[in-house]
Amino acid sequence: MLSRNLEKTLHRALAHANERHHEYATLEHLLLALTDDEDAVAVLRGCSVDLDRLRREVLNYLNNELANLVADHSDDAKPTASFQRALQRAAIHIQSAGREEVTGANVLVAMFAEREAHAVYFLQEQDMTRFDAVNYINHGIAKASGPSKPQLVEPQQIAQVFHDASEASVAIQTEARSAGRRL
């Protein structure tokens, strides 16, 4: 069963496509709608995604890159196969986990299986991964904001560590000898 929020999100995704007279509702339409879904937004924030930037990038893509989807007729947009697969994947996962309701957060995770989708690219561009989303949903572990930077170690620090280890080794050997043991 779909959560009430997810039902509204799906309607919003189709509305985004219809507003642009697109024949199909894509994952990108869905992602744009998910930026207003409270369950998905919690995950996006937990994964340090800049929502304003994400919205701008997705809107730019929808408005400028999908001109080939503009239809001459006024029929409602139809979900693409990838859109439908993401929903099915989320529903199957929820069912197998013994839970009752599919949320926008679940759909967000399911979208990552569509590796070639621009929607997934927009998320990955902000260093969000499927693992980050699952970790946040299942364990409440938020990702630290900003890309992690490796710590540089100065040569003097390395030398000090070896010096300290050497002194500790000498102290242990001295203590062992005084105790009558041999190392």
Protein backbone atom coordinates (compact mmCIF):
# COMPACT_ATOMS: atom_id res chain seq x y z
CA MET A 1 0.00 0.00 0.00
CA LEU A 2 1.25 3.50 -0.83
CA SER A 3 1.52 6.09 1.92
CA ARG A 4 -0.71 9.13 1.63
CA ASN A 5 2.36 11.32 1.05
CA LEU A 6 3.60 9.06 -1.74
CA GLU A 7 0.21 9.15 -3.48
CA LYS A 8 0.38 12.95 -3.48
CA THR A 9 3.97 12.79 -4.73
CA LEU A 10 3.03 10.55 -7.65
CA HIS A 11 0.24 12.94 -8.60
CA ARG A 12 2.72 15.82 -8.39
CA ALA A 13 5.19 13.95 -10.64
CA LEU A 14 2.50 13.42 -13.28
CA ALA A 15 1.44 17.06 -12.92
CA HIS A 16 5.05 18.18 -13.52
CA ALA A 17 5.03 16.19 -16.77
CA ASN A 18 1.57 17.43 -17.80
CA GLU A 19 2.49 21.08 -17.13
CA ARG A 20 5.30 20.73 -19.65
CA HIS A 21 3.08 18.79 -22.09
CA HIS A 22 5.44 15.83 -21.79
CA GLU A 23 4.13 12.57 -23.15
CA TYR A 24 5.93 10.62 -20.42
CA ALA A 25 6.60 11.12 -16.72
CA THR A 26 10.22 10.19 -16.11
CA LEU A 27 12.30 9.49 -13.02
CA GLU A 28 13.35 13.12 -13.17
CA HIS A 29 9.72 14.24 -12.83
CA LEU A 30 9.45 11.83 -9.91
CA LEU A 31 12.64 13.14 -8.30
CA LEU A 32 11.37 16.70 -8.56
CA ALA A 33 8.13 15.63 -6.87
CA LEU A 34 10.12 13.80 -4.17
CA THR A 35 11.80 17.08 -3.22
CA ASP A 36 8.41 18.03 -1.72
CA ASP A 37 7.69 14.63 -0.13
CA GLU A 38 8.37 14.83 3.61
CA ASP A 39 9.66 11.23 3.85
CA ALA A 40 12.04 11.66 0.93
CA VAL A 41 13.12 15.13 2.08
CA ALA A 42 14.15 13.71 5.46
CA VAL A 43 16.41 11.21 3.70
CA LEU A 44 17.79 13.80 1.28
CA ARG A 45 18.66 16.10 4.17
CA GLY A 46 20.09 13.18 6.14
CA CYS A 47 22.34 12.50 3.15
CA SER A 48 23.49 16.15 3.02
CA VAL A 49 21.78 16.91 -0.29
CA ASP A 50 21.31 20.59 -1.07
CA LEU A 51 17.58 20.56 -1.90
CA ASP A 52 17.55 23.97 -3.60
CA ARG A 53 20.42 22.99 -5.86
CA LEU A 54 18.77 19.63 -6.62
CA ARG A 55 15.49 21.31 -7.55
CA ARG A 56 17.28 23.82 -9.80
CA GLU A 57 19.23 21.10 -11.60
CA VAL A 58 16.20 18.86 -12.11
CA LEU A 59 14.02 21.78 -13.25
CA ASN A 60 16.72 22.89 -15.68
CA TYR A 61 16.90 19.35 -17.05
CA LEU A 62 13.11 19.02 -17.40
CA ASN A 63 12.69 22.41 -19.00
CA ASN A 64 15.66 22.27 -21.38
CA GLU A 65 16.62 18.68 -22.09
CA LEU A 66 13.29 16.91 -22.56
CA ALA A 67 11.92 18.85 -25.53
CA ASN A 68 11.60 15.55 -27.39
CA LEU A 69 8.93 14.44 -24.89
CA VAL A 70 6.59 17.32 -25.73
CA ALA A 71 3.41 15.83 -27.19
CA ASP A 72 1.10 17.40 -29.74
CA HIS A 73 -1.97 15.89 -28.11
CA SER A 74 -3.40 16.75 -24.70
CA ASP A 75 -3.43 13.26 -23.17
CA ASP A 76 -2.08 12.84 -19.66
CA ALA A 77 1.55 11.83 -19.26
CA LYS A 78 2.26 8.14 -18.82
CA PRO A 79 4.93 6.88 -16.42
CA THR A 80 8.04 5.52 -18.16
CA ALA A 81 9.18 1.96 -17.57
CA SER A 82 11.94 3.17 -15.22
CA PHE A 83 9.39 5.20 -13.23
CA GLN A 84 7.22 2.09 -12.87
CA ARG A 85 10.19 -0.16 -12.03
CA ALA A 86 11.25 2.16 -9.21
CA LEU A 87 7.77 1.98 -7.70
CA GLN A 88 7.60 -1.80 -8.11
CA ARG A 89 11.06 -2.25 -6.62
CA ALA A 90 10.11 -0.14 -3.59
CA ALA A 91 6.85 -2.07 -3.14
CA ILE A 92 8.58 -5.46 -3.39
CA HIS A 93 11.24 -4.39 -0.90
CA ILE A 94 8.66 -3.15 1.61
CA GLN A 95 6.59 -6.30 1.21
CA SER A 96 9.62 -8.57 1.72
CA ALA A 97 10.58 -6.55 4.81
CA GLY A 98 7.12 -7.22 6.25
CA ARG A 99 6.14 -3.58 6.34
CA GLU A 100 2.81 -2.15 5.28
CA GLU A 101 3.45 1.15 3.50
CA VAL A 102 5.67 2.33 0.66
CA THR A 103 6.96 5.87 1.24
CA GLY A 104 8.81 8.43 -0.83
CA ALA A 105 11.98 7.44 1.04
CA ASN A 106 11.62 3.86 -0.24
CA VAL A 107 11.10 5.07 -3.80
CA LEU A 108 14.18 7.27 -3.50
CA VAL A 109 16.27 4.22 -2.59
CA ALA A 110 14.71 2.16 -5.40
CA MET A 111 15.63 4.82 -7.97
CA PHE A 112 19.34 4.04 -7.52
CA ALA A 113 18.88 0.77 -9.44
CA GLU A 114 18.27 2.89 -12.55
CA ARG A 115 21.97 3.66 -12.92
CA GLU A 116 21.70 5.41 -16.28
CA ALA A 117 19.00 7.85 -15.18
CA HIS A 118 19.77 11.52 -14.90
CA ALA A 119 17.81 11.55 -11.63
CA VAL A 120 20.36 9.22 -10.08
CA TYR A 121 23.19 11.27 -11.57
CA PHE A 122 21.83 14.41 -9.86
CA LEU A 123 21.85 12.60 -6.51
CA GLN A 124 25.31 11.11 -7.02
CA GLU A 125 26.61 14.51 -8.07
CA GLN A 126 25.92 15.60 -4.50
CA ASP A 127 27.72 12.52 -3.14
CA MET A 128 24.53 10.70 -2.19
CA THR A 129 24.58 6.94 -2.60
CA ARG A 130 22.01 4.22 -2.14
CA PHE A 131 23.99 3.07 0.89
CA ASP A 132 23.69 6.53 2.47
CA ALA A 133 19.92 6.51 1.99
CA VAL A 134 19.47 2.98 3.35
CA ASN A 135 21.74 3.77 6.29
CA TYR A 136 19.65 6.82 7.14
CA ILE A 137 16.30 5.04 6.73
CA ASN A 138 17.23 1.90 8.67
CA HIS A 139 19.57 3.30 11.33
CA GLY A 140 18.96 7.05 11.40
CA ILE A 141 22.62 7.64 10.59
CA ALA A 142 23.00 10.95 8.80
CA LYS A 143 25.87 11.47 6.42
CA ALA A 144 28.35 14.17 7.40
CA SER A 145 27.92 17.22 5.19
CA GLY A 146 30.50 17.91 2.53
CA PRO A 147 32.86 15.50 0.87
CA SER A 148 35.31 13.87 3.22
CA LYS A 149 38.87 15.07 2.86
CA PRO A 150 41.81 12.81 3.59
CA GLN A 151 43.93 13.94 6.50
CA LEU A 152 47.55 14.62 5.57
CA VAL A 153 50.17 13.38 8.00
CA GLU A 154 53.38 15.34 8.35
CA PRO A 155 56.69 13.42 8.18
CA GLN A 156 57.52 14.63 11.72
CA GLN A 157 54.33 12.98 13.01
CA ILE A 158 55.31 9.68 11.40
CA ALA A 159 58.82 9.91 12.86
CA GLN A 160 57.36 10.63 16.32
CA VAL A 161 55.09 7.56 16.11
CA PHE A 162 58.05 5.32 15.21
CA HIS A 163 60.16 6.91 17.96
CA ASP A 164 57.41 6.34 20.55
CA ALA A 165 56.92 2.75 19.38
CA SER A 166 60.65 2.09 19.54
CA GLU A 167 60.87 3.48 23.08
CA ALA A 168 57.89 1.36 24.13
CA SER A 169 59.51 -1.73 22.63
CA VAL A 170 62.77 -1.08 24.50
CA ALA A 171 60.84 -0.55 27.74
CA ILE A 172 58.95 -3.84 27.29
CA GLN A 173 62.18 -5.76 26.53
CA THR A 174 63.91 -4.22 29.58
CA GLU A 175 60.98 -5.12 31.81
CA ALA A 176 60.88 -8.68 30.43
CA ARG A 177 64.63 -9.15 31.05
CA SER A 178 64.35 -7.87 34.60
CA ALA A 179 61.53 -10.33 35.16
CA GLY A 180 63.78 -13.11 33.94
CA ARG A 181 62.01 -13.75 30.68
CA ARG A 182 63.47 -13.61 27.27
CA LEU A 183 61.66 -12.19 24.23
